[in-house]
Amino acid sequence: MSGRRLILGFLVMLAVFTAALIYFQFFAFYQRDQESAMIEAGGRILPARDLDRIDAETSPLKLRACFRTEPALLRDLPVAKAPTPLTPPPWFDCFDVGRLSVDIASGKAQAYELATGEPEGTVTIVAVYPDGRAYLWRQLAEGYAE
């Protein structure tokens, strides 16, 4: 067998493996929900308009949602200690992590803890703007972040 065939075979296998890896990382396990009219977490139900949510059974940290709600409904929730939006897959374009992080840091958006420990080791965070735009995600709780 010549070295050229061996290298070509290796490159074909590498391309197939890379395509499969990208598919499983960004597409395979996500379920998209644009039908619901509410967000439920921690025994609390929030009305949600224009909801676009993704989640997966493979990891609780895959939850992301973009929606509109009434900011006054969130004011009695505890303020999130260290809200850190997690990057969604590239095709879920309503969730802009960079813009959201800057707006939380500058005070344009306020982040609240919607639920703690559901599932264990996570905190469900909702960030809301004064105009009602809201974003939801889960992140690791303090003791689990290390």
N, C-alpha and C. Protein backbone atom coordinates (compact mmCIF):
# COMPACT_ATOMS: atom_id res chain seq x y z
N MET A 1 0.85 -1.17 0.00
CA MET A 1 0.00 0.00 0.00
C MET A 1 0.89 1.23 0.00
N SER A 2 0.59 2.15 -0.87
CA SER A 2 1.41 3.36 -0.95
C SER A 2 1.02 4.34 0.15
N GLY A 3 1.94 5.21 0.46
CA GLY A 3 1.70 6.21 1.50
C GLY A 3 0.61 7.19 1.11
N ARG A 4 0.48 7.41 -0.18
CA ARG A 4 -0.54 8.35 -0.67
C ARG A 4 -1.95 7.84 -0.35
N ARG A 5 -2.19 6.56 -0.57
CA ARG A 5 -3.49 5.97 -0.26
C ARG A 5 -3.77 5.99 1.25
N LEU A 6 -2.77 5.71 2.02
CA LEU A 6 -2.91 5.71 3.47
C LEU A 6 -3.28 7.11 3.99
N ILE A 7 -2.60 8.10 3.48
CA ILE A 7 -2.89 9.48 3.89
C ILE A 7 -4.27 9.90 3.41
N LEU A 8 -4.64 9.55 2.19
CA LEU A 8 -5.96 9.88 1.67
C LEU A 8 -7.05 9.21 2.52
N GLY A 9 -6.86 7.96 2.86
CA GLY A 9 -7.82 7.26 3.72
C GLY A 9 -7.92 7.91 5.09
N PHE A 10 -6.78 8.29 5.62
CA PHE A 10 -6.78 8.97 6.92
C PHE A 10 -7.54 10.29 6.83
N LEU A 11 -7.34 11.07 5.78
CA LEU A 11 -8.01 12.36 5.63
C LEU A 11 -9.53 12.20 5.46
N VAL A 12 -9.95 11.16 4.74
CA VAL A 12 -11.38 10.90 4.58
C VAL A 12 -12.00 10.54 5.93
N MET A 13 -11.33 9.68 6.69
CA MET A 13 -11.83 9.32 8.02
C MET A 13 -11.87 10.54 8.93
N LEU A 14 -10.89 11.41 8.84
CA LEU A 14 -10.84 12.62 9.64
C LEU A 14 -12.01 13.55 9.28
N ALA A 15 -12.31 13.68 8.01
CA ALA A 15 -13.43 14.53 7.58
C ALA A 15 -14.76 13.97 8.07
N VAL A 16 -14.95 12.67 7.97
CA VAL A 16 -16.19 12.05 8.45
C VAL A 16 -16.32 12.21 9.96
N PHE A 17 -15.24 11.98 10.69
CA PHE A 17 -15.26 12.14 12.14
C PHE A 17 -15.56 13.58 12.53
N THR A 18 -14.95 14.55 11.86
CA THR A 18 -15.17 15.96 12.15
C THR A 18 -16.62 16.35 11.90
N ALA A 19 -17.18 15.91 10.78
CA ALA A 19 -18.58 16.20 10.48
C ALA A 19 -19.50 15.60 11.53
N ALA A 20 -19.24 14.38 11.94
CA ALA A 20 -20.07 13.74 12.98
C ALA A 20 -19.93 14.47 14.31
N LEU A 21 -18.74 14.86 14.66
CA LEU A 21 -18.51 15.58 15.91
C LEU A 21 -19.27 16.92 15.92
N ILE A 22 -19.19 17.65 14.84
CA ILE A 22 -19.91 18.93 14.75
C ILE A 22 -21.41 18.71 14.83
N TYR A 23 -21.92 17.70 14.14
CA TYR A 23 -23.35 17.41 14.19
C TYR A 23 -23.80 17.08 15.61
N PHE A 24 -23.10 16.21 16.29
CA PHE A 24 -23.50 15.82 17.64
C PHE A 24 -23.31 16.94 18.64
N GLN A 25 -22.34 17.79 18.45
CA GLN A 25 -22.10 18.90 19.37
C GLN A 25 -23.14 20.00 19.23
N PHE A 26 -23.55 20.33 18.02
CA PHE A 26 -24.38 21.51 17.79
C PHE A 26 -25.82 21.24 17.38
N PHE A 27 -26.15 20.03 16.96
CA PHE A 27 -27.48 19.80 16.42
C PHE A 27 -28.23 18.61 17.00
N ALA A 28 -27.59 17.51 17.25
CA ALA A 28 -28.26 16.23 17.47
C ALA A 28 -29.21 16.19 18.65
N PHE A 29 -28.85 16.72 19.78
CA PHE A 29 -29.62 16.47 20.99
C PHE A 29 -30.56 17.61 21.37
N TYR A 30 -30.50 18.73 20.70
CA TYR A 30 -31.32 19.88 21.05
C TYR A 30 -32.77 19.69 20.60
N GLN A 31 -33.69 20.11 21.46
CA GLN A 31 -35.10 20.18 21.10
C GLN A 31 -35.49 21.64 21.17
N ARG A 32 -36.17 22.12 20.15
CA ARG A 32 -36.57 23.53 20.08
C ARG A 32 -38.05 23.64 20.38
N ASP A 33 -38.40 24.66 21.17
CA ASP A 33 -39.80 24.90 21.54
C ASP A 33 -40.12 26.36 21.24
N GLN A 34 -41.06 26.56 20.33
CA GLN A 34 -41.52 27.91 20.03
C GLN A 34 -43.03 28.00 20.23
N GLU A 35 -43.61 26.98 20.82
CA GLU A 35 -45.05 26.89 20.97
C GLU A 35 -45.56 27.31 22.34
N SER A 36 -44.78 27.08 23.38
CA SER A 36 -45.25 27.32 24.75
C SER A 36 -45.52 28.80 24.98
N ALA A 37 -46.34 29.07 25.97
CA ALA A 37 -46.67 30.45 26.33
C ALA A 37 -46.25 30.76 27.76
N MET A 38 -45.39 29.87 28.32
CA MET A 38 -44.94 30.12 29.68
C MET A 38 -43.59 29.47 29.93
N ILE A 39 -42.90 30.02 30.94
CA ILE A 39 -41.64 29.47 31.43
C ILE A 39 -41.92 28.99 32.84
N GLU A 40 -41.54 27.76 33.14
CA GLU A 40 -41.76 27.22 34.48
C GLU A 40 -40.43 26.80 35.09
N ALA A 41 -40.16 27.33 36.28
CA ALA A 41 -38.92 26.96 36.99
C ALA A 41 -39.09 27.31 38.46
N GLY A 42 -38.64 26.44 39.31
CA GLY A 42 -38.67 26.70 40.74
C GLY A 42 -40.07 26.91 41.29
N GLY A 43 -41.05 26.26 40.69
CA GLY A 43 -42.42 26.42 41.14
C GLY A 43 -43.05 27.73 40.71
N ARG A 44 -42.36 28.48 39.90
CA ARG A 44 -42.86 29.78 39.44
C ARG A 44 -43.17 29.67 37.95
N ILE A 45 -44.26 30.28 37.54
CA ILE A 45 -44.65 30.28 36.13
C ILE A 45 -44.64 31.71 35.63
N LEU A 46 -43.88 31.94 34.56
CA LEU A 46 -43.81 33.26 33.95
C LEU A 46 -44.51 33.23 32.60
N PRO A 47 -45.39 34.19 32.33
CA PRO A 47 -45.95 34.26 30.99
C PRO A 47 -44.85 34.64 30.00
N ALA A 48 -44.86 34.04 28.84
CA ALA A 48 -43.81 34.28 27.85
C ALA A 48 -44.43 34.49 26.48
N ARG A 49 -44.15 35.62 25.90
CA ARG A 49 -44.56 35.91 24.52
C ARG A 49 -43.34 35.76 23.63
N ASP A 50 -43.56 35.42 22.39
CA ASP A 50 -42.48 35.28 21.41
C ASP A 50 -41.37 34.35 21.91
N LEU A 51 -41.75 33.25 22.53
CA LEU A 51 -40.79 32.32 23.12
C LEU A 51 -40.03 31.54 22.06
N ASP A 52 -38.74 31.46 22.24
CA ASP A 52 -37.88 30.59 21.44
C ASP A 52 -36.93 29.93 22.42
N ARG A 53 -37.10 28.62 22.65
CA ARG A 53 -36.34 27.91 23.69
C ARG A 53 -35.72 26.65 23.11
N ILE A 54 -34.50 26.37 23.60
CA ILE A 54 -33.85 25.10 23.28
C ILE A 54 -33.44 24.43 24.59
N ASP A 55 -33.43 23.11 24.57
CA ASP A 55 -33.02 22.34 25.73
C ASP A 55 -32.63 20.95 25.23
N ALA A 56 -32.01 20.19 26.10
CA ALA A 56 -31.61 18.83 25.75
C ALA A 56 -31.61 17.99 27.02
N GLU A 57 -31.94 16.73 26.87
CA GLU A 57 -31.91 15.81 28.00
C GLU A 57 -30.49 15.42 28.39
N THR A 58 -29.54 15.63 27.51
CA THR A 58 -28.17 15.20 27.75
C THR A 58 -27.43 16.07 28.76
N SER A 59 -27.87 17.32 28.95
CA SER A 59 -27.22 18.20 29.91
C SER A 59 -28.18 19.29 30.34
N PRO A 60 -28.28 19.56 31.64
CA PRO A 60 -29.16 20.65 32.07
C PRO A 60 -28.63 22.02 31.66
N LEU A 61 -27.36 22.11 31.30
CA LEU A 61 -26.77 23.40 30.94
C LEU A 61 -27.07 23.79 29.49
N LYS A 62 -27.81 22.99 28.76
CA LYS A 62 -28.13 23.32 27.38
C LYS A 62 -29.37 24.19 27.25
N LEU A 63 -30.04 24.48 28.36
CA LEU A 63 -31.24 25.31 28.33
C LEU A 63 -30.89 26.75 27.99
N ARG A 64 -31.57 27.30 26.98
CA ARG A 64 -31.51 28.71 26.63
C ARG A 64 -32.90 29.11 26.17
N ALA A 65 -33.29 30.35 26.44
CA ALA A 65 -34.58 30.83 25.96
C ALA A 65 -34.52 32.33 25.76
N CYS A 66 -35.24 32.78 24.76
CA CYS A 66 -35.44 34.19 24.48
C CYS A 66 -36.96 34.40 24.46
N PHE A 67 -37.43 35.40 25.15
CA PHE A 67 -38.87 35.64 25.21
C PHE A 67 -39.14 37.05 25.68
N ARG A 68 -40.40 37.40 25.76
CA ARG A 68 -40.84 38.68 26.32
C ARG A 68 -41.75 38.39 27.49
N THR A 69 -41.58 39.17 28.55
CA THR A 69 -42.41 39.01 29.74
C THR A 69 -42.58 40.36 30.41
N GLU A 70 -43.27 40.38 31.50
CA GLU A 70 -43.50 41.59 32.27
C GLU A 70 -42.39 41.72 33.31
N PRO A 71 -41.50 42.72 33.22
CA PRO A 71 -40.39 42.84 34.17
C PRO A 71 -40.83 42.92 35.63
N ALA A 72 -41.98 43.47 35.90
CA ALA A 72 -42.46 43.61 37.28
C ALA A 72 -42.67 42.25 37.94
N LEU A 73 -42.92 41.21 37.17
CA LEU A 73 -43.13 39.87 37.74
C LEU A 73 -41.86 39.28 38.34
N LEU A 74 -40.70 39.84 38.01
CA LEU A 74 -39.43 39.27 38.45
C LEU A 74 -38.79 40.04 39.60
N ARG A 75 -39.32 41.17 39.94
CA ARG A 75 -38.66 42.05 40.92
C ARG A 75 -38.54 41.44 42.32
N ASP A 76 -39.38 40.50 42.68
CA ASP A 76 -39.30 39.88 44.01
C ASP A 76 -38.32 38.70 44.06
N LEU A 77 -37.72 38.35 42.93
CA LEU A 77 -36.74 37.26 42.89
C LEU A 77 -35.39 37.74 43.41
N PRO A 78 -34.58 36.82 43.93
CA PRO A 78 -33.23 37.23 44.35
C PRO A 78 -32.36 37.59 43.14
N VAL A 79 -31.56 38.63 43.30
CA VAL A 79 -30.65 39.05 42.24
C VAL A 79 -29.56 37.98 42.09
N ALA A 80 -29.24 37.65 40.86
CA ALA A 80 -28.22 36.63 40.59
C ALA A 80 -26.85 37.13 41.03
N LYS A 81 -26.10 36.25 41.69
CA LYS A 81 -24.80 36.63 42.25
C LYS A 81 -23.73 36.81 41.17
N ALA A 82 -23.60 35.89 40.29
CA ALA A 82 -22.59 35.96 39.24
C ALA A 82 -23.17 35.45 37.93
N PRO A 83 -24.09 36.20 37.33
CA PRO A 83 -24.72 35.71 36.10
C PRO A 83 -23.73 35.64 34.95
N THR A 84 -23.61 34.46 34.37
CA THR A 84 -22.68 34.24 33.27
C THR A 84 -23.41 33.49 32.15
N PRO A 85 -23.96 34.22 31.18
CA PRO A 85 -24.66 33.53 30.09
C PRO A 85 -23.73 32.57 29.37
N LEU A 86 -24.23 31.39 29.08
CA LEU A 86 -23.45 30.37 28.39
C LEU A 86 -23.74 30.43 26.89
N THR A 87 -22.74 30.18 26.10
CA THR A 87 -22.86 30.28 24.64
C THR A 87 -23.75 29.17 24.09
N PRO A 88 -24.77 29.53 23.32
CA PRO A 88 -25.62 28.52 22.68
C PRO A 88 -25.01 28.05 21.37
N PRO A 89 -25.62 27.06 20.72
CA PRO A 89 -25.14 26.67 19.39
C PRO A 89 -25.28 27.85 18.42
N PRO A 90 -24.46 27.90 17.38
CA PRO A 90 -24.47 29.05 16.48
C PRO A 90 -25.80 29.29 15.77
N TRP A 91 -26.61 28.28 15.57
CA TRP A 91 -27.88 28.46 14.87
C TRP A 91 -28.97 29.07 15.76
N PHE A 92 -28.76 29.15 17.07
CA PHE A 92 -29.75 29.76 17.98
C PHE A 92 -29.36 31.23 18.14
N ASP A 93 -29.72 32.03 17.16
CA ASP A 93 -29.18 33.38 17.05
C ASP A 93 -29.91 34.46 17.86
N CYS A 94 -31.00 34.16 18.53
CA CYS A 94 -31.67 35.19 19.34
C CYS A 94 -30.93 35.43 20.66
N PHE A 95 -30.06 34.52 21.05
CA PHE A 95 -29.36 34.58 22.33
C PHE A 95 -27.93 35.08 22.10
N ASP A 96 -27.73 36.39 22.22
CA ASP A 96 -26.42 37.01 21.98
C ASP A 96 -25.68 37.14 23.31
N VAL A 97 -24.78 36.21 23.58
CA VAL A 97 -24.06 36.15 24.85
C VAL A 97 -23.23 37.41 25.10
N GLY A 98 -22.55 37.88 24.09
CA GLY A 98 -21.71 39.07 24.25
C GLY A 98 -22.51 40.29 24.66
N ARG A 99 -23.58 40.57 23.92
CA ARG A 99 -24.43 41.72 24.21
C ARG A 99 -25.08 41.57 25.58
N LEU A 100 -25.57 40.38 25.89
CA LEU A 100 -26.24 40.14 27.17
C LEU A 100 -25.27 40.32 28.34
N SER A 101 -24.06 39.81 28.22
CA SER A 101 -23.07 39.96 29.29
C SER A 101 -22.74 41.43 29.54
N VAL A 102 -22.53 42.19 28.46
CA VAL A 102 -22.24 43.63 28.59
C VAL A 102 -23.41 44.36 29.23
N ASP A 103 -24.63 44.04 28.80
CA ASP A 103 -25.80 44.73 29.34
C ASP A 103 -26.06 44.40 30.81
N ILE A 104 -25.77 43.18 31.22
CA ILE A 104 -25.92 42.83 32.64
C ILE A 104 -24.87 43.58 33.46
N ALA A 105 -23.64 43.60 32.97
CA ALA A 105 -22.56 44.29 33.69
C ALA A 105 -22.81 45.80 33.80
N SER A 106 -23.40 46.39 32.76
CA SER A 106 -23.65 47.83 32.77
C SER A 106 -24.95 48.22 33.45
N GLY A 107 -25.79 47.25 33.76
CA GLY A 107 -27.06 47.54 34.42
C GLY A 107 -28.22 47.77 33.48
N LYS A 108 -28.01 47.62 32.17
CA LYS A 108 -29.11 47.76 31.21
C LYS A 108 -30.10 46.61 31.35
N ALA A 109 -29.61 45.46 31.79
CA ALA A 109 -30.46 44.29 32.03
C ALA A 109 -30.19 43.82 33.46
N GLN A 110 -31.21 43.30 34.10
CA GLN A 110 -31.07 42.80 35.47
C GLN A 110 -31.23 41.28 35.46
N ALA A 111 -30.34 40.57 36.14
CA ALA A 111 -30.38 39.11 36.19
C ALA A 111 -30.88 38.64 37.54
N TYR A 112 -31.80 37.68 37.53
CA TYR A 112 -32.39 37.13 38.75
C TYR A 112 -32.22 35.62 38.76
N GLU A 113 -32.20 35.05 39.98
CA GLU A 113 -32.19 33.60 40.13
C GLU A 113 -33.64 33.12 40.14
N LEU A 114 -34.01 32.39 39.13
CA LEU A 114 -35.37 31.89 39.02
C LEU A 114 -35.53 30.59 39.80
N ALA A 115 -34.50 29.75 39.79
CA ALA A 115 -34.55 28.48 40.51
C ALA A 115 -33.13 28.05 40.86
N THR A 116 -32.98 27.43 42.03
CA THR A 116 -31.68 26.93 42.46
C THR A 116 -31.80 25.44 42.75
N GLY A 117 -30.86 24.67 42.23
CA GLY A 117 -30.84 23.23 42.52
C GLY A 117 -31.82 22.41 41.74
N GLU A 118 -32.38 22.93 40.68
CA GLU A 118 -33.29 22.17 39.82
C GLU A 118 -32.78 22.20 38.40
N PRO A 119 -32.10 21.22 37.93
CA PRO A 119 -31.56 20.04 38.58
C PRO A 119 -30.39 20.39 39.49
N GLU A 120 -30.01 19.40 40.27
CA GLU A 120 -28.98 19.60 41.30
C GLU A 120 -27.69 20.18 40.69
N GLY A 121 -27.14 21.16 41.38
CA GLY A 121 -25.88 21.76 40.97
C GLY A 121 -26.01 22.90 39.98
N THR A 122 -27.24 23.28 39.66
CA THR A 122 -27.44 24.36 38.70
C THR A 122 -28.27 25.49 39.29
N VAL A 123 -28.17 26.63 38.67
CA VAL A 123 -28.98 27.79 38.99
C VAL A 123 -29.63 28.25 37.68
N THR A 124 -30.94 28.43 37.68
CA THR A 124 -31.63 28.93 36.50
C THR A 124 -31.71 30.45 36.61
N ILE A 125 -31.15 31.12 35.64
CA ILE A 125 -31.04 32.58 35.64
C ILE A 125 -31.96 33.14 34.56
N VAL A 126 -32.63 34.25 34.88
CA VAL A 126 -33.39 35.00 33.89
C VAL A 126 -32.90 36.43 33.93
N ALA A 127 -32.55 36.95 32.77
CA ALA A 127 -32.13 38.35 32.65
C ALA A 127 -33.23 39.08 31.89
N VAL A 128 -33.61 40.24 32.41
CA VAL A 128 -34.73 40.97 31.81
C VAL A 128 -34.34 42.44 31.60
N TYR A 129 -34.78 42.96 30.48
CA TYR A 129 -34.59 44.37 30.15
C TYR A 129 -35.86 45.13 30.55
N PRO A 130 -35.78 46.42 30.75
CA PRO A 130 -36.96 47.21 31.11
C PRO A 130 -38.10 47.12 30.09
N ASP A 131 -37.77 46.88 28.81
CA ASP A 131 -38.82 46.79 27.78
C ASP A 131 -39.47 45.41 27.71
N GLY A 132 -39.05 44.47 28.56
CA GLY A 132 -39.68 43.16 28.62
C GLY A 132 -38.93 42.04 27.92
N ARG A 133 -37.87 42.36 27.17
CA ARG A 133 -37.08 41.28 26.58
C ARG A 133 -36.42 40.49 27.70
N ALA A 134 -36.47 39.17 27.61
CA ALA A 134 -35.92 38.33 28.68
C ALA A 134 -35.16 37.16 28.07
N TYR A 135 -34.16 36.71 28.83
CA TYR A 135 -33.30 35.61 28.39
C TYR A 135 -33.10 34.67 29.57
N LEU A 136 -33.18 33.38 29.30
CA LEU A 136 -33.11 32.37 30.34
C LEU A 136 -31.98 31.39 30.03
N TRP A 137 -31.26 30.97 31.06
CA TRP A 137 -30.23 29.94 30.92
C TRP A 137 -29.97 29.31 32.28
N ARG A 138 -29.29 28.17 32.25
CA ARG A 138 -28.82 27.53 33.48
C ARG A 138 -27.31 27.62 33.51
N GLN A 139 -26.79 27.78 34.71
CA GLN A 139 -25.35 27.76 34.91
C GLN A 139 -25.06 26.96 36.16
N LEU A 140 -23.80 26.58 36.33
CA LEU A 140 -23.41 25.80 37.50
C LEU A 140 -23.54 26.65 38.76
N ALA A 141 -23.99 26.02 39.83
CA ALA A 141 -24.07 26.70 41.14
C ALA A 141 -22.67 26.91 41.67
N GLU A 142 -22.55 27.79 42.66
CA GLU A 142 -21.24 28.16 43.21
C GLU A 142 -20.36 26.97 43.56
N GLY A 143 -20.86 26.03 44.32
CA GLY A 143 -20.05 24.90 44.77
C GLY A 143 -19.64 23.95 43.67
N TYR A 144 -20.28 24.03 42.50
CA TYR A 144 -20.00 23.10 41.41
C TYR A 144 -19.14 23.72 40.31
N ALA A 145 -18.93 25.03 40.37
CA ALA A 145 -18.23 25.73 39.30
C ALA A 145 -16.76 25.38 39.21
N GLU A 146 -16.18 24.89 40.30
CA GLU A 146 -14.75 24.55 40.29
C GLU A 146 -14.58 23.35 39.45
